[in-house]
């Protein structure tokens, strides 16, 4: 359990460190952001990253629960 917590902590710290430099724009959004100005472009980029987090969080949670169930089933069988 400590190993899982350490891995999760490491991933969160890494993600937080990379958040400022993340570029989450497609080519159309980049062109639009270039026309909006610096402050609004940063807001658009932050919004894109925010909207991206929900699906990744849901898939990560489902994957973690699946992994945990498989680990428990293997322990019961073996």
N, C-alpha and C. Protein backbone atom coordinates (compact mmCIF):
# COMPACT_ATOMS: atom_id res chain seq x y z
N UNK A 1 0.83 -1.19 0.00
CA UNK A 1 0.00 0.00 0.00
C UNK A 1 0.87 1.26 0.00
N UNK A 2 2.00 1.21 0.71
CA UNK A 2 2.89 2.36 0.74
C UNK A 2 3.47 2.63 -0.64
N UNK A 3 3.73 1.57 -1.39
CA UNK A 3 4.29 1.72 -2.72
C UNK A 3 3.30 2.42 -3.64
N UNK A 4 2.02 2.06 -3.54
CA UNK A 4 0.99 2.68 -4.37
C UNK A 4 0.86 4.16 -4.01
N UNK A 5 0.87 4.47 -2.73
CA UNK A 5 0.78 5.86 -2.30
C UNK A 5 1.98 6.67 -2.79
N UNK A 6 3.15 6.07 -2.74
CA UNK A 6 4.35 6.75 -3.21
C UNK A 6 4.27 7.03 -4.71
N UNK A 7 3.80 6.06 -5.47
CA UNK A 7 3.65 6.23 -6.92
C UNK A 7 2.63 7.32 -7.23
N UNK A 8 1.49 7.29 -6.55
CA UNK A 8 0.46 8.30 -6.77
C UNK A 8 0.99 9.69 -6.41
N UNK A 9 1.70 9.79 -5.30
CA UNK A 9 2.27 11.07 -4.89
C UNK A 9 3.27 11.57 -5.93
N UNK A 10 4.12 10.68 -6.41
CA UNK A 10 5.11 11.05 -7.42
C UNK A 10 4.43 11.54 -8.70
N UNK A 11 3.38 10.85 -9.13
CA UNK A 11 2.67 11.25 -10.33
C UNK A 11 1.99 12.60 -10.15
N UNK A 12 1.40 12.85 -9.00
CA UNK A 12 0.76 14.13 -8.74
C UNK A 12 1.76 15.28 -8.73
N UNK A 13 2.91 15.05 -8.11
CA UNK A 13 3.94 16.09 -8.08
C UNK A 13 4.47 16.35 -9.49
N UNK A 14 4.68 15.31 -10.25
CA UNK A 14 5.16 15.46 -11.63
C UNK A 14 4.14 16.20 -12.47
N UNK A 15 2.86 15.84 -12.33
CA UNK A 15 1.82 16.51 -13.08
C UNK A 15 1.72 17.98 -12.70
N UNK A 16 1.81 18.28 -11.42
CA UNK A 16 1.74 19.67 -10.96
C UNK A 16 2.92 20.48 -11.50
N UNK A 17 4.08 19.87 -11.58
CA UNK A 17 5.25 20.58 -12.09
C UNK A 17 5.13 20.85 -13.59
N UNK A 18 4.47 19.97 -14.31
CA UNK A 18 4.34 20.12 -15.75
C UNK A 18 3.12 20.93 -16.16
N UNK A 19 2.23 21.23 -15.23
CA UNK A 19 0.98 21.89 -15.56
C UNK A 19 1.19 23.27 -16.19
N UNK A 20 2.17 24.01 -15.72
CA UNK A 20 2.41 25.35 -16.26
C UNK A 20 2.92 25.33 -17.69
N UNK A 21 3.60 24.27 -18.08
CA UNK A 21 4.18 24.21 -19.42
C UNK A 21 3.34 23.38 -20.39
N UNK A 22 2.23 22.85 -19.93
CA UNK A 22 1.42 21.99 -20.79
C UNK A 22 0.78 22.81 -21.92
N UNK A 23 0.79 22.28 -23.10
CA UNK A 23 0.15 22.90 -24.25
C UNK A 23 -0.95 21.95 -24.71
N UNK A 24 -2.19 22.30 -24.40
CA UNK A 24 -3.31 21.40 -24.68
C UNK A 24 -4.19 21.93 -25.80
N UNK A 25 -3.59 22.51 -26.81
CA UNK A 25 -4.39 23.11 -27.87
C UNK A 25 -4.17 22.40 -29.19
N UNK A 26 -5.28 22.21 -29.90
CA UNK A 26 -5.17 21.72 -31.26
C UNK A 26 -4.79 22.90 -32.16
N UNK A 27 -4.60 22.66 -33.42
CA UNK A 27 -4.16 23.73 -34.32
C UNK A 27 -5.21 24.83 -34.45
N UNK A 28 -6.48 24.47 -34.44
CA UNK A 28 -7.53 25.48 -34.55
C UNK A 28 -7.58 26.33 -33.28
N UNK A 29 -7.48 25.69 -32.13
CA UNK A 29 -7.49 26.44 -30.87
C UNK A 29 -6.25 27.33 -30.75
N UNK A 30 -5.12 26.87 -31.24
CA UNK A 30 -3.90 27.68 -31.20
C UNK A 30 -4.07 28.95 -32.03
N UNK A 31 -4.65 28.81 -33.21
CA UNK A 31 -4.88 29.97 -34.08
C UNK A 31 -5.86 30.94 -33.41
N UNK A 32 -6.93 30.42 -32.82
CA UNK A 32 -7.90 31.26 -32.13
C UNK A 32 -7.27 31.95 -30.94
N UNK A 33 -6.47 31.21 -30.17
CA UNK A 33 -5.82 31.78 -28.99
C UNK A 33 -4.84 32.87 -29.38
N UNK A 34 -4.19 32.73 -30.52
CA UNK A 34 -3.26 33.75 -30.99
C UNK A 34 -3.96 35.06 -31.30
N UNK A 35 -5.21 34.98 -31.69
CA UNK A 35 -5.99 36.17 -32.01
C UNK A 35 -6.61 36.80 -30.77
N UNK A 36 -6.73 36.04 -29.68
CA UNK A 36 -7.39 36.54 -28.47
C UNK A 36 -6.50 37.43 -27.62
N UNK A 37 -5.22 37.19 -27.65
CA UNK A 37 -4.30 37.91 -26.77
C UNK A 37 -3.75 36.96 -25.71
N UNK A 38 -2.73 37.41 -25.00
CA UNK A 38 -1.98 36.55 -24.07
C UNK A 38 -2.84 36.05 -22.91
N UNK A 39 -3.54 36.94 -22.23
CA UNK A 39 -4.29 36.55 -21.02
C UNK A 39 -5.44 35.62 -21.36
N UNK A 40 -6.18 35.93 -22.39
CA UNK A 40 -7.30 35.06 -22.79
C UNK A 40 -6.81 33.73 -23.35
N UNK A 41 -5.66 33.73 -24.01
CA UNK A 41 -5.10 32.49 -24.54
C UNK A 41 -4.71 31.56 -23.39
N UNK A 42 -4.15 32.11 -22.33
CA UNK A 42 -3.82 31.29 -21.16
C UNK A 42 -5.08 30.74 -20.51
N UNK A 43 -6.14 31.54 -20.48
CA UNK A 43 -7.43 31.06 -19.95
C UNK A 43 -8.00 29.94 -20.78
N UNK A 44 -7.91 30.05 -22.09
CA UNK A 44 -8.39 29.00 -22.98
C UNK A 44 -7.60 27.72 -22.77
N UNK A 45 -6.29 27.83 -22.65
CA UNK A 45 -5.43 26.67 -22.43
C UNK A 45 -5.76 26.01 -21.09
N UNK A 46 -5.96 26.81 -20.05
CA UNK A 46 -6.31 26.26 -18.74
C UNK A 46 -7.66 25.56 -18.79
N UNK A 47 -8.61 26.11 -19.52
CA UNK A 47 -9.92 25.48 -19.65
C UNK A 47 -9.84 24.14 -20.36
N UNK A 48 -9.01 24.06 -21.39
CA UNK A 48 -8.84 22.80 -22.11
C UNK A 48 -8.24 21.74 -21.19
N UNK A 49 -7.25 22.12 -20.42
CA UNK A 49 -6.63 21.17 -19.48
C UNK A 49 -7.63 20.74 -18.42
N UNK A 50 -8.42 21.67 -17.91
CA UNK A 50 -9.44 21.36 -16.89
C UNK A 50 -10.44 20.36 -17.44
N UNK A 51 -10.93 20.57 -18.66
CA UNK A 51 -11.90 19.65 -19.25
C UNK A 51 -11.28 18.29 -19.56
N UNK A 52 -9.98 18.24 -19.78
CA UNK A 52 -9.29 16.98 -20.06
C UNK A 52 -9.17 16.12 -18.80
N UNK A 53 -9.12 16.74 -17.64
CA UNK A 53 -8.88 16.00 -16.41
C UNK A 53 -10.02 15.06 -16.03
N UNK A 54 -11.27 15.43 -16.27
CA UNK A 54 -12.40 14.60 -15.87
C UNK A 54 -12.37 13.20 -16.50
N UNK A 55 -12.25 13.07 -17.83
CA UNK A 55 -12.21 11.71 -18.40
C UNK A 55 -11.00 10.90 -17.92
N UNK A 56 -9.84 11.55 -17.80
CA UNK A 56 -8.66 10.83 -17.34
C UNK A 56 -8.83 10.37 -15.89
N UNK A 57 -9.47 11.18 -15.06
CA UNK A 57 -9.71 10.80 -13.67
C UNK A 57 -10.67 9.61 -13.60
N UNK A 58 -11.73 9.64 -14.38
CA UNK A 58 -12.71 8.55 -14.38
C UNK A 58 -12.08 7.26 -14.87
N UNK A 59 -11.34 7.31 -15.96
CA UNK A 59 -10.68 6.11 -16.50
C UNK A 59 -9.64 5.60 -15.51
N UNK A 60 -8.90 6.50 -14.88
CA UNK A 60 -7.92 6.09 -13.88
C UNK A 60 -8.56 5.40 -12.69
N UNK A 61 -9.68 5.93 -12.23
CA UNK A 61 -10.39 5.32 -11.10
C UNK A 61 -10.89 3.93 -11.46
N UNK A 62 -11.49 3.81 -12.64
CA UNK A 62 -12.00 2.50 -13.08
C UNK A 62 -10.84 1.51 -13.22
N UNK A 63 -9.75 1.95 -13.80
CA UNK A 63 -8.58 1.08 -13.95
C UNK A 63 -8.01 0.65 -12.61
N UNK A 64 -7.96 1.59 -11.66
CA UNK A 64 -7.46 1.26 -10.33
C UNK A 64 -8.37 0.24 -9.66
N UNK A 65 -9.68 0.41 -9.73
CA UNK A 65 -10.61 -0.54 -9.11
C UNK A 65 -10.50 -1.92 -9.76
N UNK A 66 -10.33 -1.94 -11.07
CA UNK A 66 -10.19 -3.20 -11.79
C UNK A 66 -8.91 -3.90 -11.36
N UNK A 67 -7.81 -3.16 -11.30
CA UNK A 67 -6.54 -3.72 -10.86
C UNK A 67 -6.64 -4.27 -9.44
N UNK A 68 -7.31 -3.52 -8.56
CA UNK A 68 -7.46 -3.95 -7.17
C UNK A 68 -8.29 -5.24 -7.09
N UNK A 69 -9.37 -5.33 -7.87
CA UNK A 69 -10.21 -6.53 -7.88
C UNK A 69 -9.45 -7.74 -8.43
N UNK A 70 -8.68 -7.53 -9.49
CA UNK A 70 -7.88 -8.61 -10.07
C UNK A 70 -6.82 -9.10 -9.08
N UNK A 71 -6.22 -8.17 -8.38
CA UNK A 71 -5.20 -8.52 -7.39
C UNK A 71 -5.83 -9.36 -6.26
N UNK A 72 -7.03 -8.97 -5.84
CA UNK A 72 -7.73 -9.71 -4.79
C UNK A 72 -8.16 -11.09 -5.28
N UNK A 73 -8.64 -11.19 -6.53
CA UNK A 73 -9.03 -12.49 -7.09
C UNK A 73 -7.85 -13.42 -7.23
N UNK A 74 -6.71 -12.91 -7.63
CA UNK A 74 -5.50 -13.73 -7.76
C UNK A 74 -5.02 -14.22 -6.41
N UNK A 75 -5.19 -13.41 -5.37
CA UNK A 75 -4.78 -13.82 -4.03
C UNK A 75 -5.67 -14.93 -3.51
N UNK A 76 -6.97 -14.90 -3.85
CA UNK A 76 -7.89 -15.94 -3.39
C UNK A 76 -7.66 -17.24 -4.11
N UNK A 77 -7.33 -17.18 -5.39
CA UNK A 77 -7.12 -18.38 -6.20
C UNK A 77 -5.78 -19.05 -5.86
N UNK A 78 -4.75 -18.22 -5.76
CA UNK A 78 -3.40 -18.74 -5.58
C UNK A 78 -3.07 -18.93 -4.18
